[in-house]
Protein backbone atom coordinates (compact mmCIF):
# COMPACT_ATOMS: atom_id res chain seq x y z
CA UNK A 1 -54.87 -12.97 16.03
CA UNK A 2 -54.93 -14.40 12.40
CA UNK A 3 -52.77 -16.98 10.94
CA UNK A 4 -51.02 -13.66 9.22
CA UNK A 5 -50.63 -11.96 11.67
CA UNK A 6 -49.19 -14.70 13.48
CA UNK A 7 -46.59 -14.85 9.86
CA UNK A 8 -45.40 -11.63 10.05
CA UNK A 9 -44.89 -11.78 13.91
CA UNK A 10 -42.86 -14.87 13.30
CA UNK A 11 -40.24 -13.22 10.74
CA UNK A 12 -40.65 -10.40 12.78
CA UNK A 13 -39.32 -11.99 15.79
CA UNK A 14 -36.84 -13.94 13.66
CA UNK A 15 -35.38 -10.19 12.09
CA UNK A 16 -34.54 -9.20 15.83
CA UNK A 17 -32.95 -12.54 16.83
CA UNK A 18 -35.72 -13.64 19.03
CA UNK A 19 -36.36 -17.16 17.93
CA UNK A 20 -34.54 -20.15 17.78
CA UNK A 21 -35.96 -23.56 15.71
CA UNK A 22 -34.78 -27.16 16.17
CA UNK A 23 -35.98 -29.95 18.48
CA UNK A 24 -32.33 -30.11 20.43
CA UNK A 25 -32.11 -26.58 20.22
CA UNK A 26 -35.22 -25.49 22.20
CA UNK A 27 -35.51 -28.27 24.40
CA UNK A 28 -32.29 -27.12 25.68
CA UNK A 29 -33.62 -23.29 26.31
CA UNK A 30 -36.77 -25.09 27.75
CA UNK A 31 -34.31 -26.47 30.33
CA UNK A 32 -32.99 -23.23 30.90
CA UNK A 33 -36.16 -21.50 31.63
CA UNK A 34 -35.31 -19.19 28.64
CA UNK A 35 -38.52 -19.43 26.47
CA UNK A 36 -41.61 -17.08 26.37
CA UNK A 37 -43.52 -19.24 24.14
CA UNK A 38 -42.99 -22.26 21.50
CA UNK A 39 -45.06 -23.18 18.88
CA UNK A 40 -45.22 -26.80 16.83
CA UNK A 41 -45.63 -27.26 13.05
CA UNK A 42 -48.93 -28.84 13.09
CA UNK A 43 -47.63 -31.68 10.81
CA UNK A 44 -44.72 -32.96 13.94
CA UNK A 45 -44.20 -36.51 14.68
CA UNK A 46 -46.76 -36.92 17.16
CA UNK A 47 -43.62 -38.12 19.85
CA UNK A 48 -41.99 -34.67 18.86
CA UNK A 49 -45.35 -32.89 19.69
CA UNK A 50 -45.56 -35.10 23.59
CA UNK A 51 -41.49 -34.78 23.53
CA UNK A 52 -41.58 -30.72 22.76
CA UNK A 53 -45.07 -30.61 25.02
CA UNK A 54 -43.66 -32.63 28.30
CA UNK A 55 -40.96 -30.34 28.17
CA UNK A 56 -42.88 -27.35 28.54
CA UNK A 57 -45.89 -28.24 30.70
CA UNK A 58 -43.22 -29.18 32.74
CA UNK A 59 -41.30 -26.01 32.91
CA UNK A 60 -44.49 -23.64 32.53
CA UNK A 61 -43.80 -21.90 29.07
CA UNK A 62 -46.81 -22.19 26.76
CA UNK A 63 -46.80 -24.33 23.44
CA UNK A 64 -49.56 -23.59 20.53
CA UNK A 65 -49.86 -25.71 17.86
CA UNK A 66 -49.24 -23.95 14.71
CA UNK A 67 -48.94 -23.97 10.36
CA UNK A 68 -47.12 -26.97 8.34
CA UNK A 69 -43.65 -27.32 8.71
CA UNK A 70 -43.27 -25.59 5.62
CA UNK A 71 -45.24 -22.37 6.33
CA UNK A 72 -42.91 -22.30 9.34
CA UNK A 73 -40.34 -22.39 7.72
CA UNK A 74 -41.55 -19.42 4.89
CA UNK A 75 -42.42 -16.62 8.41
CA UNK A 76 -38.87 -17.66 8.88
CA UNK A 77 -37.19 -17.30 5.92
CA UNK A 78 -35.64 -20.58 6.09
CA UNK A 79 -37.06 -24.14 4.84
CA UNK A 80 -39.04 -25.93 7.10
CA UNK A 81 -39.14 -25.54 11.02
CA UNK A 82 -40.73 -27.97 12.72
CA UNK A 83 -39.72 -27.04 16.13
CA UNK A 84 -39.40 -22.26 16.56
CA UNK A 85 -39.14 -21.13 20.79
CA UNK A 86 -39.04 -17.43 21.07
CA UNK A 87 -37.56 -15.71 23.76
CA UNK A 88 -38.37 -14.09 26.60
CA UNK A 89 -38.74 -9.91 25.17
CA UNK A 90 -40.55 -7.56 24.79
CA UNK A 91 -42.28 -9.01 21.56
CA UNK A 92 -44.03 -12.30 23.84
C-alpha cells in the first residue's frame, strides 16, 4: 500500500468506528487486547513512541511509525493526532 491508500484506509476505518486516538486510550486498550494495529506519528516524542512500542511489543500488536501528526489528523477528519489504534475487525 502506498501512503495515499493508507490515508484513505484510515478515514474509512474512522467512519466505521474502528479507530481510537490518544495515548491513554491506546495504552488501556492494548492492555485489554482490543487493538489489532497501532500507528504512531513520525513526529511523536521519543518518550511517547517508546512507551507505545514497548506496550505493543509486550502484547504482540504490530506498530508502525507513519506520517506526521497533521497528516494523521487530516486522514481522520480531526485535529492533529499522534497515536491511532485500529480495533479488531475486518479492516485489519
